[in-house]
Amino acid sequence: MKVNIRLFAGLHDLLGKRDVVMELAEGATVLQLREQLAKEYPIVTPYLTTLVCAVDEEYVPSEHRLQEGDEVALIPPISGGSSDAELFEVTAEPLDSQRLVEAVRKDESGAVALFFGVARNHSEGRRVRALEYEAYASMAEKKLREVGDEVRARWPITGIGVLHRTGRLAIGEASLLVAVSAAHRKEAFEACHYAVDRIKETVPIWKKEIWEDGEGEGAWVAGHPVEAPRPVSAEPGA
């Protein structure tokens, strides 16, 4: 059977392409796909232990069995229930903070916390002249909404929204906006902080730093390994 593999961030830099079609045995698992990938493209072998796979925009465990025509996204470590009026978007356009605030603010909101993630001009002692963001856009927007659902389950908020840039950003441009509204400022601050951390941990978006000295083409920033879901254990006697 054939499956289509989508590559992101440093992986497509290594292989020089965005997609790979791979021939696998019928009923092959994600683990077997990873092993086959290492045989056909040894250059990716050092990175395989940090990768998580997604099928049809959902993270899957290594034991997941693949089917003919599946789209498998290889997710390197990352650098539902919401109102339709709220925004969860991944876009190449400049981010509009006022639009986001208006989307989450309600008449019962006594506070709106707004986080700006901004491109800075240095990293670990090196001067940076630009940042470049890449995303598995459709899955990223889905995961942003899931973060919104997590926040709603933990705090009595009145609204939440997220905007994330892709493409090349100049120093000082906003890469991430997170807005949370609540009746009181404590809940708004806490929920916004949590949302930013969860976005960094679970949403498939990657960042490359373009260095000012022009040495090389820059580097993808090491991120958080994504935790794949565990397989469901069969009931005794099943």
Protein backbone atom coordinates (compact mmCIF):
# COMPACT_ATOMS: atom_id res chain seq x y z
CA MET A 1 0.00 0.00 0.00
CA LYS A 2 1.04 3.61 -0.50
CA VAL A 3 0.90 6.42 2.04
CA ASN A 4 1.80 10.07 1.61
CA ILE A 5 4.24 11.53 4.15
CA ARG A 6 4.27 15.27 4.81
CA LEU A 7 7.50 16.88 6.01
CA PHE A 8 7.87 20.10 8.00
CA ALA A 9 10.57 22.42 9.34
CA GLY A 10 14.04 20.83 9.43
CA LEU A 11 12.83 17.58 7.87
CA HIS A 12 11.97 19.10 4.52
CA ASP A 13 15.27 21.00 4.63
CA LEU A 14 17.10 17.69 5.02
CA LEU A 15 15.27 15.91 2.21
CA GLY A 16 14.67 18.91 -0.02
CA LYS A 17 10.98 18.15 -0.50
CA ARG A 18 7.66 18.57 1.27
CA ASP A 19 6.07 15.21 0.52
CA VAL A 20 7.26 11.62 0.15
CA VAL A 21 5.17 8.72 -1.15
CA MET A 22 6.17 5.47 0.54
CA GLU A 23 5.28 1.89 -0.28
CA LEU A 24 4.52 -0.21 2.80
CA ALA A 25 3.17 -3.67 3.54
CA GLU A 26 -0.58 -3.91 4.08
CA GLY A 27 -1.47 -3.08 7.68
CA ALA A 28 1.93 -1.59 8.46
CA THR A 29 2.15 0.41 11.67
CA VAL A 30 3.49 3.91 12.24
CA LEU A 31 6.56 2.33 13.85
CA GLN A 32 7.21 0.29 10.69
CA LEU A 33 6.82 3.44 8.61
CA ARG A 34 9.48 5.15 10.73
CA GLU A 35 11.82 2.17 10.33
CA GLN A 36 11.30 2.16 6.55
CA LEU A 37 11.89 5.90 6.41
CA ALA A 38 15.24 5.45 8.19
CA LYS A 39 16.27 2.81 5.63
CA GLU A 40 15.34 4.90 2.62
CA TYR A 41 16.52 8.26 4.03
CA PRO A 42 19.29 7.57 6.58
CA ILE A 43 19.89 11.30 7.01
CA VAL A 44 16.70 11.57 9.10
CA THR A 45 17.61 8.74 11.49
CA PRO A 46 18.99 10.99 14.30
CA TYR A 47 15.69 12.88 14.38
CA LEU A 48 13.25 9.97 14.44
CA THR A 49 13.23 9.55 18.22
CA THR A 50 11.83 13.08 18.65
CA LEU A 51 9.13 12.79 15.99
CA VAL A 52 5.44 12.12 16.50
CA CYS A 53 3.16 11.13 13.65
CA ALA A 54 -0.27 12.50 12.84
CA VAL A 55 -2.79 10.78 10.58
CA ASP A 56 -5.72 12.79 9.29
CA GLU A 57 -4.64 15.68 11.55
CA GLU A 58 -4.68 13.65 14.78
CA TYR A 59 -1.64 12.46 16.74
CA VAL A 60 -1.38 8.67 16.73
CA PRO A 61 0.77 6.15 18.69
CA SER A 62 3.47 4.02 17.09
CA GLU A 63 1.12 1.01 17.14
CA HIS A 64 -1.43 2.74 14.90
CA ARG A 65 -2.07 0.72 11.73
CA LEU A 66 -2.00 2.64 8.46
CA GLN A 67 -4.29 2.28 5.48
CA GLU A 68 -3.91 2.82 1.77
CA GLY A 69 -3.83 6.53 0.91
CA ASP A 70 -3.31 7.78 4.47
CA GLU A 71 -1.68 11.19 4.85
CA VAL A 72 0.96 10.91 7.55
CA ALA A 73 2.52 14.10 8.92
CA LEU A 74 5.87 13.81 10.67
CA ILE A 75 5.74 16.28 13.56
CA PRO A 76 9.10 17.49 14.90
CA PRO A 77 9.23 19.03 18.37
CA ILE A 78 7.14 22.15 18.32
CA SER A 79 8.67 25.56 18.78
CA GLY A 80 -13.82 22.34 19.45
CA GLY A 81 -16.55 24.00 21.78
CA SER A 82 -15.66 27.60 21.07
CA SER A 83 -17.92 30.29 19.77
CA ASP A 84 -17.88 30.78 16.00
CA ALA A 85 -17.15 34.45 16.66
CA GLU A 86 -13.81 33.59 18.27
CA LEU A 87 -10.68 33.39 16.17
CA PHE A 88 -8.25 30.50 15.89
CA GLU A 89 -6.21 31.22 12.80
CA VAL A 90 -2.84 30.48 11.26
CA THR A 91 -2.10 33.11 8.63
CA ALA A 92 0.69 34.62 6.54
CA GLU A 93 -0.88 38.07 6.99
CA PRO A 94 0.15 40.56 9.73
CA LEU A 95 -1.77 39.96 12.95
CA ASP A 96 -4.55 42.33 13.97
CA SER A 97 -4.72 42.57 17.77
CA GLN A 98 -7.85 44.75 17.80
CA ARG A 99 -9.75 42.23 15.70
CA LEU A 100 -8.79 39.47 18.13
CA VAL A 101 -9.76 41.46 21.20
CA GLU A 102 -13.15 42.31 19.72
CA ALA A 103 -13.71 38.62 18.93
CA VAL A 104 -13.24 37.51 22.55
CA ARG A 105 -14.66 40.47 24.48
CA LYS A 106 -18.19 40.04 25.81
CA ASP A 107 -20.44 42.37 27.79
CA GLU A 108 -19.83 40.21 30.86
CA SER A 109 -16.03 40.44 30.43
CA GLY A 110 -14.44 42.57 33.12
CA ALA A 111 -10.93 41.88 31.83
CA VAL A 112 -9.19 41.00 28.57
CA ALA A 113 -5.61 39.67 28.73
CA LEU A 114 -3.71 39.98 25.44
CA PHE A 115 -0.34 38.30 24.86
CA PHE A 116 1.99 39.44 22.06
CA GLY A 117 4.78 37.09 20.95
CA VAL A 118 7.21 39.35 19.06
CA ALA A 119 10.25 38.62 16.87
CA ARG A 120 13.35 39.73 18.78
CA ASN A 121 16.79 40.60 17.40
CA HIS A 122 18.93 38.13 19.34
CA SER A 123 19.06 34.51 20.45
CA GLU A 124 21.71 32.76 22.56
CA GLY A 125 24.31 35.43 21.90
CA ARG A 126 23.73 35.76 18.15
CA ARG A 127 22.11 38.62 16.32
CA VAL A 128 18.93 37.69 14.46
CA ARG A 129 17.67 39.68 11.48
CA ALA A 130 14.43 37.77 10.79
CA LEU A 131 12.33 34.80 11.83
CA GLU A 132 10.61 32.28 9.62
CA TYR A 133 7.60 30.28 10.76
CA GLU A 134 6.19 27.14 9.18
CA ALA A 135 2.99 25.33 10.14
CA TYR A 136 0.92 22.28 9.35
CA ALA A 137 -1.82 24.86 9.01
CA SER A 138 -5.03 22.83 9.02
CA MET A 139 -3.92 20.68 11.95
CA ALA A 140 -2.48 23.72 13.76
CA GLU A 141 -5.84 25.52 13.71
CA LYS A 142 -7.54 22.38 14.98
CA LYS A 143 -5.05 22.10 17.84
CA LEU A 144 -5.46 25.80 18.68
CA ARG A 145 -9.18 25.19 19.16
CA GLU A 146 -8.39 22.21 21.38
CA VAL A 147 -6.20 24.47 23.52
CA GLY A 148 -9.16 26.82 23.75
CA ASP A 149 -11.32 23.93 24.97
CA GLU A 150 -8.70 23.02 27.61
CA VAL A 151 -8.67 26.59 28.89
CA ARG A 152 -12.45 26.72 29.09
CA ALA A 153 -12.46 23.51 31.12
CA ARG A 154 -10.02 25.00 33.68
CA TRP A 155 -11.14 28.63 34.07
CA PRO A 156 -14.51 30.46 33.94
CA ILE A 157 -13.51 32.57 30.95
CA THR A 158 -15.87 34.41 28.63
CA GLY A 159 -13.80 34.14 25.47
CA ILE A 160 -10.49 33.00 23.95
CA GLY A 161 -8.82 33.40 20.57
CA VAL A 162 -5.41 32.83 18.96
CA LEU A 163 -3.70 34.19 15.85
CA HIS A 164 -0.34 32.83 14.66
CA ARG A 165 1.82 34.09 11.79
CA THR A 166 3.65 32.00 9.22
CA GLY A 167 6.28 33.00 6.71
CA ARG A 168 9.14 35.45 7.25
CA LEU A 169 8.79 38.09 9.98
CA ALA A 170 10.89 41.19 10.44
CA ILE A 171 12.23 42.05 13.88
CA GLY A 172 9.46 43.61 15.97
CA GLU A 173 6.58 41.93 14.12
CA ALA A 174 4.08 39.89 16.12
CA SER A 175 4.26 36.13 15.58
CA LEU A 176 1.60 35.09 18.11
CA LEU A 177 -1.42 36.76 19.67
CA VAL A 178 -3.46 35.12 22.43
CA ALA A 179 -6.47 36.91 23.90
CA VAL A 180 -8.55 35.71 26.85
CA SER A 181 -11.52 37.46 28.38
CA ALA A 182 -13.01 36.74 31.80
CA ALA A 183 -15.13 38.38 34.44
CA HIS A 184 -12.01 39.00 36.56
CA ARG A 185 -8.36 39.76 35.75
CA LYS A 186 -6.90 36.84 37.76
CA GLU A 187 -8.64 34.23 35.62
CA ALA A 188 -7.82 36.13 32.41
CA PHE A 189 -4.10 36.32 33.24
CA GLU A 190 -3.81 32.71 34.38
CA ALA A 191 -5.74 31.31 31.44
CA CYS A 192 -3.76 33.35 28.92
CA HIS A 193 -0.45 32.18 30.41
CA TYR A 194 -1.57 28.55 30.27
CA ALA A 195 -2.78 28.87 26.68
CA VAL A 196 0.57 30.26 25.49
CA ASP A 197 2.46 27.38 27.13
CA ARG A 198 0.12 24.75 25.66
CA ILE A 199 0.39 26.25 22.18
CA LYS A 200 4.18 25.92 22.38
CA GLU A 201 3.82 22.28 23.49
CA THR A 202 1.17 20.86 21.16
CA VAL A 203 0.57 22.97 18.04
CA PRO A 204 2.60 21.98 14.95
CA ILE A 205 4.32 25.29 14.20
CA TRP A 206 8.09 25.66 13.81
CA LYS A 207 10.48 28.62 13.94
CA LYS A 208 13.72 29.26 12.07
CA GLU A 209 16.13 32.03 13.10
CA ILE A 210 17.80 33.91 10.26
CA TRP A 211 21.10 35.19 11.59
CA GLU A 212 22.42 38.68 10.98
CA ASP A 213 25.96 37.51 10.18
CA GLY A 214 24.65 35.64 7.14
CA GLU A 215 26.34 32.40 8.16
CA GLY A 216 24.32 29.63 6.56
CA GLU A 217 20.56 29.97 6.12
CA GLY A 218 19.76 30.10 9.80
CA ALA A 219 18.55 27.26 12.02
CA TRP A 220 15.29 25.73 13.15
CA VAL A 221 14.81 26.27 16.86
CA ALA A 222 14.73 23.17 19.04
CA GLY A 223 11.30 22.75 20.53
CA HIS A 224 9.16 20.56 22.77
CA PRO A 225 8.81 16.89 21.79
CA VAL A 226 5.14 16.10 21.33
CA GLU A 227 3.76 13.28 23.46
CA ALA A 228 1.97 10.74 21.30
CA PRO A 229 -1.27 9.26 22.64
CA ARG A 230 -0.98 5.89 24.30
CA PRO A 231 -2.80 2.94 22.75
CA VAL A 232 -5.96 1.85 24.51
CA SER A 233 -5.42 -1.43 26.35
CA ALA A 234 -7.79 -4.25 25.52
CA GLU A 235 -10.19 -5.30 28.27
CA PRO A 236 -9.31 -8.64 29.96
CA GLY A 237 -10.90 -11.48 28.11
CA ALA A 238 -11.67 -9.31 25.06
